[in-house]
N, C-alpha and C. Protein backbone atom coordinates (compact mmCIF):
# COMPACT_ATOMS: atom_id res chain seq x y z
N UNK A 1 34.24 25.43 -20.19
CA UNK A 1 33.58 24.98 -21.41
C UNK A 1 32.70 23.88 -20.23
N UNK A 2 33.36 23.03 -20.06
CA UNK A 2 32.97 21.75 -19.10
C UNK A 2 32.15 22.61 -17.98
N UNK A 3 32.55 23.62 -17.29
CA UNK A 3 31.66 23.25 -16.25
C UNK A 3 30.90 23.98 -16.77
N UNK A 4 30.47 24.67 -18.13
CA UNK A 4 29.01 25.12 -18.11
C UNK A 4 27.74 24.41 -18.81
N UNK A 5 28.78 23.10 -19.73
CA UNK A 5 27.79 21.69 -19.27
C UNK A 5 27.83 21.02 -17.94
N UNK A 6 28.74 21.47 -17.87
CA UNK A 6 27.82 20.74 -16.10
C UNK A 6 26.20 21.23 -15.59
N UNK A 7 26.93 22.25 -15.14
CA UNK A 7 25.94 23.38 -14.62
C UNK A 7 24.67 23.30 -15.57
N UNK A 8 24.90 22.92 -17.05
CA UNK A 8 23.71 22.97 -17.58
C UNK A 8 22.63 21.56 -17.12
N UNK A 9 23.48 20.23 -17.41
CA UNK A 9 22.98 19.35 -16.80
C UNK A 9 22.66 18.93 -15.74
N UNK A 10 22.90 20.06 -14.52
CA UNK A 10 22.55 19.50 -12.88
C UNK A 10 21.65 20.79 -12.82
N UNK A 11 21.47 21.65 -13.67
CA UNK A 11 20.44 22.17 -13.77
C UNK A 11 18.82 21.30 -14.44
N UNK A 12 19.07 21.15 -15.65
CA UNK A 12 18.05 19.64 -16.95
C UNK A 12 17.92 18.61 -15.37
N UNK A 13 18.37 18.80 -15.08
CA UNK A 13 18.38 17.02 -13.76
C UNK A 13 17.12 18.07 -12.52
N UNK A 14 17.25 18.82 -11.87
CA UNK A 14 16.87 19.58 -11.37
C UNK A 14 15.78 19.45 -11.30
N UNK A 15 14.91 20.65 -12.22
CA UNK A 15 14.12 20.25 -12.62
C UNK A 15 13.32 19.64 -12.92
N UNK A 16 13.58 18.22 -13.55
CA UNK A 16 12.63 17.55 -13.93
C UNK A 16 12.41 16.47 -12.92
N UNK A 17 13.53 16.82 -12.08
CA UNK A 17 13.03 15.96 -10.68
C UNK A 17 12.02 16.52 -9.73
N UNK A 18 12.07 18.42 -9.57
CA UNK A 18 10.88 18.93 -9.36
C UNK A 18 9.33 18.51 -10.15
N UNK A 19 9.47 18.43 -10.70
CA UNK A 19 8.53 18.13 -11.86
C UNK A 19 7.90 17.10 -11.79
N UNK A 20 8.76 15.07 -11.72
CA UNK A 20 8.47 14.77 -10.75
C UNK A 20 7.78 14.01 -9.93
N UNK A 21 7.80 15.62 -8.80
CA UNK A 21 7.58 15.69 -7.18
C UNK A 21 6.21 16.07 -7.39
N UNK A 22 6.08 16.92 -8.09
CA UNK A 22 5.31 17.93 -8.09
C UNK A 22 3.81 17.15 -8.96
N UNK A 23 3.84 16.39 -9.48
CA UNK A 23 2.79 15.08 -10.58
C UNK A 23 2.32 13.72 -8.72
N UNK A 24 3.55 13.42 -8.15
CA UNK A 24 2.86 12.60 -7.30
C UNK A 24 2.47 12.77 -5.94
N UNK A 25 2.20 14.52 -5.69
CA UNK A 25 1.88 15.10 -4.54
C UNK A 25 0.00 15.33 -4.78
N UNK A 26 -0.38 14.99 -5.46
CA UNK A 26 -1.66 15.87 -5.95
C UNK A 26 -2.95 14.62 -4.71
N UNK A 27 -3.11 14.77 -4.39
CA UNK A 27 -3.97 13.75 -2.93
C UNK A 27 -5.31 13.82 -3.98
N UNK A 28 -5.81 12.23 -3.51
CA UNK A 28 -6.89 11.27 -4.12
C UNK A 28 -8.47 12.07 -3.63
N UNK A 29 -9.05 11.46 -3.98
CA UNK A 29 -10.33 12.48 -4.26
C UNK A 29 -11.16 11.42 -2.96
N UNK A 30 -11.07 12.58 -1.83
CA UNK A 30 -11.50 11.61 -0.58
C UNK A 30 -12.65 11.16 -0.94
N UNK A 31 -14.01 12.03 -1.25
CA UNK A 31 -15.20 11.40 -1.39
C UNK A 31 -15.44 10.43 -1.93
N UNK A 32 -14.06 9.69 -2.85
CA UNK A 32 -14.18 8.53 -3.59
C UNK A 32 -13.43 7.27 -3.03
N UNK A 33 -11.81 8.02 -2.33
CA UNK A 33 -11.33 7.05 -1.97
C UNK A 33 -11.09 6.95 -0.35
N UNK A 34 -12.18 7.98 0.55
CA UNK A 34 -12.46 8.09 2.19
C UNK A 34 -11.18 8.59 2.51
N UNK A 35 -11.44 9.17 3.80
CA UNK A 35 -9.70 10.04 3.82
C UNK A 35 -8.25 9.21 4.48
N UNK A 36 -7.38 9.51 4.33
CA UNK A 36 -6.24 8.71 3.86
C UNK A 36 -6.12 7.95 5.45
N UNK A 37 -5.47 6.55 5.10
CA UNK A 37 -5.85 5.93 6.47
C UNK A 37 -4.19 6.01 7.95
N UNK A 38 -3.97 6.94 8.00
CA UNK A 38 -2.72 7.52 8.71
C UNK A 38 -2.76 6.15 9.59
N UNK A 39 -3.45 4.81 10.33
CA UNK A 39 -3.42 4.43 11.35
C UNK A 39 -3.63 2.75 10.47
N UNK A 40 -3.09 2.68 8.88
CA UNK A 40 -3.17 1.76 8.42
C UNK A 40 -3.15 0.45 8.87
N UNK A 41 -1.40 0.32 9.86
CA UNK A 41 -1.17 -0.89 10.03
C UNK A 41 -2.38 -1.29 11.58
N UNK A 42 -2.30 -0.80 11.78
CA UNK A 42 -3.24 -0.61 12.77
C UNK A 42 -4.46 -1.40 12.38
N UNK A 43 -5.26 -1.18 11.69
CA UNK A 43 -6.47 -1.35 10.85
C UNK A 43 -6.43 -2.55 10.00
N UNK A 44 -4.24 -2.67 9.55
CA UNK A 44 -4.95 -4.24 9.07
C UNK A 44 -4.09 -5.41 9.72
N UNK A 45 -3.69 -5.08 11.19
CA UNK A 45 -3.74 -6.11 12.23
C UNK A 45 -4.81 -6.60 13.13
N UNK A 46 -5.08 -5.68 12.82
CA UNK A 46 -6.97 -5.79 13.30
C UNK A 46 -7.46 -7.16 12.98
N UNK A 47 -7.66 -6.38 10.70
CA UNK A 47 -8.49 -7.82 10.40
C UNK A 47 -7.53 -8.75 10.00
N UNK A 48 -6.09 -8.93 9.94
CA UNK A 48 -5.71 -9.95 9.90
C UNK A 48 -6.15 -11.01 11.02
N UNK A 49 -6.56 -10.67 12.40
CA UNK A 49 -7.02 -10.90 13.86
C UNK A 49 -7.98 -12.52 13.31
N UNK A 50 -8.98 -11.69 12.25
CA UNK A 50 -9.94 -12.56 11.66
C UNK A 50 -9.42 -13.39 10.62
N UNK A 51 -8.62 -13.12 9.87
CA UNK A 51 -8.35 -14.19 8.84
C UNK A 51 -7.51 -15.26 9.11
N UNK A 52 -6.75 -15.16 10.09
CA UNK A 52 -5.38 -15.99 10.39
C UNK A 52 -5.60 -17.09 10.91
N UNK A 53 -4.82 -18.06 11.19
CA UNK A 53 -5.09 -19.22 11.96
C UNK A 53 -4.38 -18.94 13.08
N UNK A 54 -3.32 -18.06 13.29
CA UNK A 54 -2.48 -17.96 14.48
C UNK A 54 -1.97 -16.16 14.91
N UNK A 55 -2.65 -15.14 14.58
CA UNK A 55 -2.97 -14.34 13.97
C UNK A 55 -1.52 -13.66 15.58
N UNK A 56 -1.51 -14.20 15.78
CA UNK A 56 -0.46 -13.18 17.23
C UNK A 56 0.73 -13.76 16.88
N UNK A 57 1.49 -14.56 16.31
CA UNK A 57 2.47 -15.29 15.65
C UNK A 57 3.15 -14.68 14.34
N UNK A 58 2.33 -13.46 13.46
CA UNK A 58 2.62 -13.73 12.24
C UNK A 58 3.58 -12.16 12.57
N UNK A 59 4.31 -12.16 11.38
CA UNK A 59 5.23 -11.78 10.93
C UNK A 59 5.47 -10.54 10.11
N UNK A 60 5.11 -9.11 9.85
CA UNK A 60 4.56 -8.39 8.76
C UNK A 60 5.70 -7.78 8.46
N UNK A 61 5.88 -7.65 7.50
CA UNK A 61 6.94 -6.91 6.69
C UNK A 61 6.15 -5.93 5.88
N UNK A 62 5.44 -4.22 6.23
CA UNK A 62 5.34 -3.39 4.97
C UNK A 62 5.93 -2.59 3.93
N UNK A 63 5.19 -3.02 2.74
CA UNK A 63 5.51 -2.95 1.69
C UNK A 63 5.26 -1.44 1.59
N UNK A 64 5.56 -0.37 2.08
CA UNK A 64 4.86 1.46 1.41
C UNK A 64 3.89 1.95 2.05
N UNK A 65 4.06 2.68 2.05
CA UNK A 65 2.73 3.59 2.18
C UNK A 65 1.06 3.02 1.36
N UNK A 66 -0.25 3.52 1.99
CA UNK A 66 -0.98 3.32 1.63
C UNK A 66 -1.12 4.02 -0.25
N UNK A 67 -1.68 3.95 -0.83
CA UNK A 67 -1.76 4.76 -2.45
C UNK A 67 -3.74 4.26 -2.68
N UNK A 68 -4.06 5.30 -3.74
CA UNK A 68 -5.25 5.36 -3.71
C UNK A 68 -5.11 4.45 -4.77
N UNK A 69 -6.42 3.04 -4.69
CA UNK A 69 -6.22 2.59 -5.88
C UNK A 69 -8.07 2.17 -6.39
N UNK A 70 -8.25 1.11 -7.18
CA UNK A 70 -9.86 0.82 -7.77
C UNK A 70 -9.58 -0.02 -7.89
N UNK A 71 -10.13 -1.31 -6.61
CA UNK A 71 -10.24 -2.66 -7.65
C UNK A 71 -11.71 -2.41 -7.57
N UNK A 72 -11.73 -4.17 -7.80
CA UNK A 72 -13.56 -4.42 -8.08
C UNK A 72 -13.44 -4.63 -9.61
N UNK A 73 -15.52 -4.77 -10.66
CA UNK A 73 -15.19 -4.80 -11.50
C UNK A 73 -15.83 -3.48 -11.97
N UNK A 74 -16.48 -3.09 -13.03
CA UNK A 74 -16.08 -2.14 -13.89
C UNK A 74 -17.85 -2.09 -12.57
N UNK A 75 -18.64 -2.87 -12.91
CA UNK A 75 -19.91 -2.51 -12.80
C UNK A 75 -19.89 -2.05 -12.07
N UNK A 76 -18.80 -2.63 -10.53
CA UNK A 76 -18.77 -2.46 -9.25
C UNK A 76 -17.53 -1.99 -8.75
N UNK A 77 -16.89 -1.08 -9.11
CA UNK A 77 -15.76 -0.88 -8.59
C UNK A 77 -15.44 -0.56 -7.06
N UNK A 78 -14.81 -0.85 -6.27
CA UNK A 78 -13.94 -0.21 -4.56
C UNK A 78 -13.03 0.60 -5.26
N UNK A 79 -13.36 1.55 -4.26
CA UNK A 79 -12.37 2.95 -4.05
C UNK A 79 -11.80 2.38 -2.86
N UNK A 80 -10.56 2.43 -2.46
CA UNK A 80 -10.13 3.05 -0.95
C UNK A 80 -8.57 3.14 -1.29
N UNK A 81 -7.41 2.45 0.12
CA UNK A 81 -5.91 2.37 -0.48
C UNK A 81 -5.17 1.71 -0.12
N UNK A 82 -4.79 1.08 -0.92
CA UNK A 82 -3.90 -0.12 -1.23
C UNK A 82 -2.95 -0.38 -0.11
N UNK A 83 -2.38 -1.63 0.47
CA UNK A 83 -1.68 -1.39 1.74
C UNK A 83 -0.70 -2.80 1.34
N UNK A 84 0.55 -2.88 0.56
CA UNK A 84 0.95 -4.02 0.24
C UNK A 84 1.76 -3.88 1.24
N UNK A 85 1.60 -6.06 1.87
CA UNK A 85 2.47 -5.78 3.10
C UNK A 85 2.75 -8.00 1.94
N UNK A 86 3.89 -9.04 3.21
CA UNK A 86 4.37 -9.78 3.54
C UNK A 86 3.88 -10.26 5.05
N UNK A 87 3.48 -11.59 5.15
CA UNK A 87 3.10 -12.24 6.31
C UNK A 87 3.78 -13.08 6.02
N UNK A 88 3.91 -13.98 7.60
CA UNK A 88 4.76 -14.97 8.07
C UNK A 88 3.99 -15.73 8.98
N UNK A 89 3.44 -16.43 9.47
CA UNK A 89 2.25 -16.73 10.23
C UNK A 89 2.17 -18.35 10.22
N UNK A 90 1.81 -18.84 11.50
CA UNK A 90 1.94 -20.22 11.72
C UNK A 90 0.14 -20.75 10.65
N UNK A 91 0.18 -21.94 10.32
CA UNK A 91 -0.59 -22.65 9.49
C UNK A 91 -1.59 -23.20 10.83
N UNK A 92 -2.47 -24.17 10.17
CA UNK A 92 -3.45 -25.45 11.68
C UNK A 92 -1.94 -26.13 11.80
N UNK A 93 -0.91 -26.51 11.41
CA UNK A 93 0.21 -27.98 12.01
C UNK A 93 1.25 -26.95 13.25
N UNK A 94 1.38 -25.93 13.12
CA UNK A 94 2.37 -24.63 14.47
C UNK A 94 2.91 -24.06 13.21
N UNK A 95 3.60 -24.82 12.15
CA UNK A 95 4.63 -24.22 10.51
C UNK A 95 4.50 -23.10 10.54
N UNK A 96 6.43 -22.49 10.59
CA UNK A 96 6.10 -20.87 9.64
C UNK A 96 5.55 -21.04 8.12
N UNK A 97 4.53 -20.79 7.45
CA UNK A 97 4.17 -20.72 5.79
C UNK A 97 5.21 -20.28 5.23
N UNK A 98 5.87 -19.38 5.70
CA UNK A 98 7.22 -18.57 5.15
C UNK A 98 6.59 -17.00 4.55
N UNK A 99 7.62 -16.27 4.25
CA UNK A 99 6.48 -14.76 3.66
C UNK A 99 5.99 -14.44 2.53
N UNK A 100 4.83 -14.49 2.59
CA UNK A 100 3.57 -14.69 1.44
C UNK A 100 2.94 -12.67 1.43
N UNK A 101 3.07 -12.85 0.02
CA UNK A 101 2.46 -10.73 -0.70
C UNK A 101 0.72 -11.29 -0.73
N UNK A 102 0.68 -10.26 0.31
CA UNK A 102 -0.62 -9.60 0.49
C UNK A 102 -1.06 -8.50 0.23
N UNK A 103 -2.43 -8.53 0.15
CA UNK A 103 -2.46 -6.58 0.46
C UNK A 103 -4.09 -6.38 1.10
N UNK A 104 -4.58 -5.02 1.21
CA UNK A 104 -6.03 -4.65 2.06
C UNK A 104 -5.88 -3.48 1.50
N UNK A 105 -7.27 -3.64 0.74
CA UNK A 105 -8.19 -1.78 0.36
C UNK A 105 -8.78 -1.50 1.57
N UNK A 106 -8.09 -0.24 2.53
CA UNK A 106 -8.98 0.20 3.19
C UNK A 106 -9.85 1.08 3.26
N UNK A 107 -11.17 1.37 3.53
CA UNK A 107 -11.84 2.52 2.82
C UNK A 107 -12.34 2.56 4.28
N UNK A 108 -12.23 4.19 4.27
CA UNK A 108 -13.45 4.88 5.61
C UNK A 108 -12.69 4.19 7.18
N UNK A 109 -11.70 3.89 7.29
CA UNK A 109 -11.12 3.29 8.31
C UNK A 109 -11.15 1.42 8.54
N UNK A 110 -11.70 0.67 7.50
CA UNK A 110 -12.01 -0.59 7.56
C UNK A 110 -11.51 -1.56 6.15
N UNK A 111 -11.23 -2.41 6.70
CA UNK A 111 -10.23 -2.89 5.59
C UNK A 111 -11.77 -3.43 4.38
N UNK A 112 -12.09 -3.74 2.80
CA UNK A 112 -13.06 -3.36 2.53
C UNK A 112 -12.91 -4.73 1.09
N UNK A 113 -11.60 -5.31 1.15
CA UNK A 113 -11.21 -6.30 0.64
C UNK A 113 -9.73 -7.03 0.82
N UNK A 114 -9.34 -7.96 0.44
CA UNK A 114 -8.09 -8.72 0.44
C UNK A 114 -7.31 -9.15 -0.50
N UNK A 115 -6.50 -9.21 -0.66
CA UNK A 115 -5.70 -10.35 -2.30
C UNK A 115 -4.61 -10.81 -1.18
N UNK A 116 -4.03 -11.65 -2.02
CA UNK A 116 -3.89 -12.85 -1.65
C UNK A 116 -4.31 -14.04 -0.79
N UNK A 117 -5.06 -14.12 -0.29
CA UNK A 117 -5.69 -15.21 0.71
C UNK A 117 -7.35 -15.71 0.00
N UNK A 118 -6.80 -16.01 -1.26
CA UNK A 118 -7.27 -16.76 -1.98
C UNK A 118 -9.14 -16.54 -1.83
N UNK A 119 -9.40 -15.20 -1.96
CA UNK A 119 -10.70 -14.96 -2.36
C UNK A 119 -10.46 -13.36 -2.64
């Protein structure tokens, strides 16, 4: 009897996990969000060169892969793939600032909005 109950429980958990996997693998609308940025690290690093005082000193921690996101306002939405990361870079005085959370919205291979940079 215990084996039968265990088998039913394991089967149920497997079906639930398979259902969640299917729900997560639906592709984003490429017309709206643009193509998936497979080279997102390169895109963000190039953009950071224009944002940081000393981009060469930057230490980056990537927080997962890009996810489809909608930012902006209701009147002017911005569609793209959101990349979350942490940066520790030198400031104007040459001191490291400590890890700070940031984000970048990528659309058609370029960053269209930065998050956590004071704008």
